[in-house]
Amino acid sequence: MLKPQFVFIAAPLSAALVSTGFAVTYLNVGQAQEAIFPGKKLVAFPLQLTDAQRKSIEQESGIRLTNRPPQIWRASGGGWFIVDEVIGKHEFITYAVGLTNDGAVRGLEIMDYRESYGGQVRDPKWRAQFVGKTKTAPLLLDRDIKNISGATLSSRHLTDGVRRILALYDIALR
């Protein structure tokens, strides 16, 4: 039989071993679509990348593709809506990028943010830096995209993710 003292010692120890998570869903897919393409109809666009396309996207962007393929929709009147994920510091960030018919960034929305800090990447002014960028833009943190102190990894990885999306457009959607 356990002595009460053991229970009091074990309870704080077990509580310390439990990891607390932080996750916020800001937008679902429909809300993100409406934010980037207000009033437009979007139709799912299933895309299976070939091995050659995957390799080309990785080479052009300098970023590895994840095992989970991005979700893609075609907007009425032209344009693309793409949902993808990047790692923040430890957890995934789900984001959406809208592209014009010519492949320029129309908008960037953060849908799910799972880190306990660094959520400043949701700031509209920071996200606005991406609007108009194409595959010819450097899309490098501290070069044409400003870093956010305290959110450096989230800023860097979202910037990399947008560069990957622009390479995806160039190779598989254009």
C-alpha atoms as a PDB file:
ATOM      1  CA  MET A   1       0.000   0.000   0.000  1.00  0.00           C
ATOM      2  CA  LEU A   2       1.291   3.446  -0.922  1.00  0.00           C
ATOM      3  CA  LYS A   3       1.984   5.943   1.787  1.00  0.00           C
ATOM      4  CA  PRO A   4       0.324   9.328   1.312  1.00  0.00           C
ATOM      5  CA  GLN A   5       3.764  11.039   1.177  1.00  0.00           C
ATOM      6  CA  PHE A   6       4.585   9.038  -1.986  1.00  0.00           C
ATOM      7  CA  VAL A   7       1.390  10.206  -3.682  1.00  0.00           C
ATOM      8  CA  PHE A   8       2.235  13.853  -3.003  1.00  0.00           C
ATOM      9  CA  ILE A   9       5.747  13.408  -4.378  1.00  0.00           C
ATOM     10  CA  ALA A  10       4.651  11.448  -7.458  1.00  0.00           C
ATOM     11  CA  ALA A  11       1.814  13.792  -8.430  1.00  0.00           C
ATOM     12  CA  PRO A  12       4.031  16.832  -9.095  1.00  0.00           C
ATOM     13  CA  LEU A  13       6.570  14.646 -10.886  1.00  0.00           C
ATOM     14  CA  SER A  14       3.928  13.172 -13.188  1.00  0.00           C
ATOM     15  CA  ALA A  15       2.494  16.645 -13.809  1.00  0.00           C
ATOM     16  CA  ALA A  16       5.948  17.850 -14.827  1.00  0.00           C
ATOM     17  CA  LEU A  17       6.217  15.040 -17.353  1.00  0.00           C
ATOM     18  CA  VAL A  18       2.975  15.983 -19.084  1.00  0.00           C
ATOM     19  CA  SER A  19       3.607  18.253 -22.040  1.00  0.00           C
ATOM     20  CA  THR A  20       1.165  21.061 -22.529  1.00  0.00           C
ATOM     21  CA  GLY A  21       0.368  21.968 -26.095  1.00  0.00           C
ATOM     22  CA  PHE A  22      -0.550  25.270 -27.646  1.00  0.00           C
ATOM     23  CA  ALA A  23      -2.619  25.418 -30.788  1.00  0.00           C
ATOM     24  CA  VAL A  24      -4.889  28.051 -32.234  1.00  0.00           C
ATOM     25  CA  THR A  25      -7.068  27.670 -35.284  1.00  0.00           C
ATOM     26  CA  TYR A  26      -7.567  31.121 -36.750  1.00  0.00           C
ATOM     27  CA  LEU A  27      -9.253  30.205 -40.021  1.00  0.00           C
ATOM     28  CA  ASN A  28     -10.748  27.111 -41.579  1.00  0.00           C
ATOM     29  CA  VAL A  29     -10.314  26.482 -45.311  1.00  0.00           C
ATOM     30  CA  GLY A  30     -13.530  28.279 -46.278  1.00  0.00           C
ATOM     31  CA  GLN A  31     -12.668  31.342 -44.203  1.00  0.00           C
ATOM     32  CA  ALA A  32      -9.139  31.513 -45.650  1.00  0.00           C
ATOM     33  CA  GLN A  33     -10.524  31.164 -49.175  1.00  0.00           C
ATOM     34  CA  GLU A  34     -12.957  34.023 -48.567  1.00  0.00           C
ATOM     35  CA  ALA A  35     -10.183  36.191 -47.081  1.00  0.00           C
ATOM     36  CA  ILE A  36      -7.952  35.760 -50.141  1.00  0.00           C
ATOM     37  CA  PHE A  37     -10.587  35.349 -52.884  1.00  0.00           C
ATOM     38  CA  PRO A  38     -13.685  37.174 -51.597  1.00  0.00           C
ATOM     39  CA  GLY A  39     -16.838  36.212 -53.455  1.00  0.00           C
ATOM     40  CA  LYS A  40     -15.033  33.799 -55.786  1.00  0.00           C
ATOM     41  CA  LYS A  41     -15.962  30.180 -56.318  1.00  0.00           C
ATOM     42  CA  LEU A  42     -13.078  27.777 -55.731  1.00  0.00           C
ATOM     43  CA  VAL A  43     -12.947  24.253 -57.122  1.00  0.00           C
ATOM     44  CA  ALA A  44     -10.669  21.541 -55.743  1.00  0.00           C
ATOM     45  CA  PHE A  45      -7.784  20.793 -58.060  1.00  0.00           C
ATOM     46  CA  PRO A  46      -6.291  17.385 -57.199  1.00  0.00           C
ATOM     47  CA  LEU A  47      -2.656  17.260 -58.203  1.00  0.00           C
ATOM     48  CA  GLN A  48      -0.345  14.265 -58.175  1.00  0.00           C
ATOM     49  CA  LEU A  49       3.237  15.387 -58.604  1.00  0.00           C
ATOM     50  CA  THR A  50       5.607  13.151 -60.515  1.00  0.00           C
ATOM     51  CA  ASP A  51       8.992  12.351 -59.011  1.00  0.00           C
ATOM     52  CA  ALA A  52      10.578  14.650 -61.604  1.00  0.00           C
ATOM     53  CA  GLN A  53       8.253  17.517 -60.629  1.00  0.00           C
ATOM     54  CA  ARG A  54       8.953  16.971 -56.924  1.00  0.00           C
ATOM     55  CA  LYS A  55      12.685  17.065 -57.573  1.00  0.00           C
ATOM     56  CA  SER A  56      12.369  20.206 -59.730  1.00  0.00           C
ATOM     57  CA  ILE A  57      10.288  22.007 -57.089  1.00  0.00           C
ATOM     58  CA  GLU A  58      12.835  21.160 -54.412  1.00  0.00           C
ATOM     59  CA  GLN A  59      15.722  22.322 -56.624  1.00  0.00           C
ATOM     60  CA  GLU A  60      14.013  25.553 -57.694  1.00  0.00           C
ATOM     61  CA  SER A  61      12.874  26.502 -54.198  1.00  0.00           C
ATOM     62  CA  GLY A  62      15.747  25.060 -52.198  1.00  0.00           C
ATOM     63  CA  ILE A  63      13.108  23.600 -49.858  1.00  0.00           C
ATOM     64  CA  ARG A  64      12.173  19.941 -49.381  1.00  0.00           C
ATOM     65  CA  LEU A  65       8.591  18.940 -50.045  1.00  0.00           C
ATOM     66  CA  THR A  66       6.679  17.440 -47.165  1.00  0.00           C
ATOM     67  CA  ASN A  67       5.100  14.016 -47.378  1.00  0.00           C
ATOM     68  CA  ARG A  68       1.671  15.631 -47.171  1.00  0.00           C
ATOM     69  CA  PRO A  69       0.885  17.191 -50.556  1.00  0.00           C
ATOM     70  CA  PRO A  70      -0.578  20.703 -50.544  1.00  0.00           C
ATOM     71  CA  GLN A  71      -4.307  21.092 -51.054  1.00  0.00           C
ATOM     72  CA  ILE A  72      -5.060  23.115 -54.173  1.00  0.00           C
ATOM     73  CA  TRP A  73      -8.140  24.920 -55.486  1.00  0.00           C
ATOM     74  CA  ARG A  74      -8.645  26.834 -58.738  1.00  0.00           C
ATOM     75  CA  ALA A  75     -10.431  30.174 -58.367  1.00  0.00           C
ATOM     76  CA  SER A  76     -13.169  31.261 -60.746  1.00  0.00           C
ATOM     77  CA  GLY A  77     -11.819  33.978 -62.999  1.00  0.00           C
ATOM     78  CA  GLY A  78      -8.257  32.717 -62.478  1.00  0.00           C
ATOM     79  CA  GLY A  79      -5.898  32.192 -59.621  1.00  0.00           C
ATOM     80  CA  TRP A  80      -4.953  29.463 -57.201  1.00  0.00           C
ATOM     81  CA  PHE A  81      -5.568  28.823 -53.519  1.00  0.00           C
ATOM     82  CA  ILE A  82      -3.062  26.496 -51.859  1.00  0.00           C
ATOM     83  CA  VAL A  83      -2.988  25.170 -48.288  1.00  0.00           C
ATOM     84  CA  ASP A  84       0.367  23.909 -47.067  1.00  0.00           C
ATOM     85  CA  GLU A  85       2.310  23.357 -43.849  1.00  0.00           C
ATOM     86  CA  VAL A  86       5.736  24.329 -42.587  1.00  0.00           C
ATOM     87  CA  ILE A  87       7.399  23.595 -39.280  1.00  0.00           C
ATOM     88  CA  GLY A  88       7.623  26.577 -36.925  1.00  0.00           C
ATOM     89  CA  LYS A  89      10.192  25.927 -34.236  1.00  0.00           C
ATOM     90  CA  HIS A  90       8.752  22.607 -33.075  1.00  0.00           C
ATOM     91  CA  GLU A  91       5.232  22.331 -34.479  1.00  0.00           C
ATOM     92  CA  PHE A  92       3.505  22.691 -37.840  1.00  0.00           C
ATOM     93  CA  ILE A  93       2.025  25.956 -39.074  1.00  0.00           C
ATOM     94  CA  THR A  94      -0.834  25.523 -41.541  1.00  0.00           C
ATOM     95  CA  TYR A  95      -1.048  28.423 -43.950  1.00  0.00           C
ATOM     96  CA  ALA A  96      -2.773  29.350 -47.193  1.00  0.00           C
ATOM     97  CA  VAL A  97      -1.380  31.222 -50.162  1.00  0.00           C
ATOM     98  CA  GLY A  98      -3.471  32.770 -52.895  1.00  0.00           C
ATOM     99  CA  LEU A  99      -1.813  33.248 -56.273  1.00  0.00           C
ATOM    100  CA  THR A 100      -2.965  35.331 -59.187  1.00  0.00           C
ATOM    101  CA  ASN A 101      -3.378  33.706 -62.582  1.00  0.00           C
ATOM    102  CA  ASP A 102       0.183  34.906 -63.373  1.00  0.00           C
ATOM    103  CA  GLY A 103       1.650  33.274 -60.265  1.00  0.00           C
ATOM    104  CA  ALA A 104       2.078  36.365 -58.061  1.00  0.00           C
ATOM    105  CA  VAL A 105       1.151  36.131 -54.391  1.00  0.00           C
ATOM    106  CA  ARG A 106      -2.312  37.567 -53.852  1.00  0.00           C
ATOM    107  CA  GLY A 107      -2.448  36.875 -50.119  1.00  0.00           C
ATOM    108  CA  LEU A 108      -1.104  34.814 -47.233  1.00  0.00           C
ATOM    109  CA  GLU A 109      -3.209  33.623 -44.309  1.00  0.00           C
ATOM    110  CA  ILE A 110      -2.143  31.711 -41.197  1.00  0.00           C
ATOM    111  CA  MET A 111      -4.789  29.076 -40.525  1.00  0.00           C
ATOM    112  CA  ASP A 112      -3.409  27.014 -37.612  1.00  0.00           C
ATOM    113  CA  TYR A 113      -0.561  28.073 -35.351  1.00  0.00           C
ATOM    114  CA  ARG A 114       0.662  25.484 -32.867  1.00  0.00           C
ATOM    115  CA  GLU A 115       3.672  27.178 -31.252  1.00  0.00           C
ATOM    116  CA  SER A 116       3.508  28.834 -27.828  1.00  0.00           C
ATOM    117  CA  TYR A 117       5.188  31.990 -29.160  1.00  0.00           C
ATOM    118  CA  GLY A 118       5.995  33.615 -32.491  1.00  0.00           C
ATOM    119  CA  GLY A 119       2.386  34.136 -33.511  1.00  0.00           C
ATOM    120  CA  GLN A 120       3.315  37.633 -34.705  1.00  0.00           C
ATOM    121  CA  VAL A 121       3.555  36.079 -38.183  1.00  0.00           C
ATOM    122  CA  ARG A 122      -0.209  36.648 -38.297  1.00  0.00           C
ATOM    123  CA  ASP A 123       0.371  40.416 -38.327  1.00  0.00           C
ATOM    124  CA  PRO A 124      -1.257  41.762 -41.518  1.00  0.00           C
ATOM    125  CA  LYS A 125       1.686  44.115 -42.159  1.00  0.00           C
ATOM    126  CA  TRP A 126       4.174  41.241 -42.038  1.00  0.00           C
ATOM    127  CA  ARG A 127       2.046  39.027 -44.311  1.00  0.00           C
ATOM    128  CA  ALA A 128       1.539  41.927 -46.746  1.00  0.00           C
ATOM    129  CA  GLN A 129       5.260  41.763 -47.604  1.00  0.00           C
ATOM    130  CA  PHE A 130       4.500  38.693 -49.718  1.00  0.00           C
ATOM    131  CA  VAL A 131       1.797  40.281 -51.886  1.00  0.00           C
ATOM    132  CA  GLY A 132       2.985  40.650 -55.463  1.00  0.00           C
ATOM    133  CA  LYS A 133       6.013  38.384 -55.011  1.00  0.00           C
ATOM    134  CA  THR A 134       6.713  35.928 -57.808  1.00  0.00           C
ATOM    135  CA  LYS A 135       9.252  33.174 -58.322  1.00  0.00           C
ATOM    136  CA  THR A 136      11.767  35.817 -59.448  1.00  0.00           C
ATOM    137  CA  ALA A 137      11.761  37.458 -55.998  1.00  0.00           C
ATOM    138  CA  PRO A 138      14.549  36.325 -53.677  1.00  0.00           C
ATOM    139  CA  LEU A 139      12.036  35.596 -50.877  1.00  0.00           C
ATOM    140  CA  LEU A 140      14.753  35.531 -48.266  1.00  0.00           C
ATOM    141  CA  LEU A 141      14.383  36.554 -44.653  1.00  0.00           C
ATOM    142  CA  ASP A 142      16.197  39.837 -43.891  1.00  0.00           C
ATOM    143  CA  ARG A 143      16.626  40.496 -47.605  1.00  0.00           C
ATOM    144  CA  ASP A 144      13.159  41.211 -49.028  1.00  0.00           C
ATOM    145  CA  ILE A 145      11.098  39.815 -46.147  1.00  0.00           C
ATOM    146  CA  LYS A 146      11.629  41.394 -42.717  1.00  0.00           C
ATOM    147  CA  ASN A 147      12.285  39.130 -39.775  1.00  0.00           C
ATOM    148  CA  ILE A 148      10.169  39.276 -36.627  1.00  0.00           C
ATOM    149  CA  SER A 149      12.184  39.168 -33.422  1.00  0.00           C
ATOM    150  CA  GLY A 150      10.884  36.312 -31.294  1.00  0.00           C
ATOM    151  CA  ALA A 151       9.404  34.591 -34.348  1.00  0.00           C
ATOM    152  CA  THR A 152      12.545  34.069 -36.405  1.00  0.00           C
ATOM    153  CA  LEU A 153      12.014  30.385 -37.213  1.00  0.00           C
ATOM    154  CA  SER A 154       8.321  30.848 -37.993  1.00  0.00           C
ATOM    155  CA  SER A 155       9.183  33.841 -40.195  1.00  0.00           C
ATOM    156  CA  ARG A 156      11.950  31.957 -41.980  1.00  0.00           C
ATOM    157  CA  HIS A 157       9.952  28.780 -42.533  1.00  0.00           C
ATOM    158  CA  LEU A 158       6.846  30.595 -43.779  1.00  0.00           C
ATOM    159  CA  THR A 159       9.052  32.549 -46.187  1.00  0.00           C
ATOM    160  CA  ASP A 160      10.573  29.259 -47.368  1.00  0.00           C
ATOM    161  CA  GLY A 161       7.089  27.762 -47.687  1.00  0.00           C
ATOM    162  CA  VAL A 162       5.882  30.585 -49.921  1.00  0.00           C
ATOM    163  CA  ARG A 163       8.994  30.158 -52.067  1.00  0.00           C
ATOM    164  CA  ARG A 164       8.132  26.448 -52.354  1.00  0.00           C
ATOM    165  CA  ILE A 165       4.525  27.290 -53.352  1.00  0.00           C
ATOM    166  CA  LEU A 166       5.788  29.647 -56.064  1.00  0.00           C
ATOM    167  CA  ALA A 167       8.037  26.861 -57.410  1.00  0.00           C
ATOM    168  CA  LEU A 168       5.050  24.477 -57.331  1.00  0.00           C
ATOM    169  CA  TYR A 169       3.063  26.962 -59.409  1.00  0.00           C
ATOM    170  CA  ASP A 170       5.909  27.411 -61.881  1.00  0.00           C
ATOM    171  CA  ILE A 171       6.489  23.688 -62.362  1.00  0.00           C
ATOM    172  CA  ALA A 172       3.062  22.101 -61.989  1.00  0.00           C
ATOM    173  CA  LEU A 173       0.273  24.700 -62.279  1.00  0.00           C
ATOM    174  CA  ARG A 174       1.356  27.357 -64.776  1.00  0.00           C
END
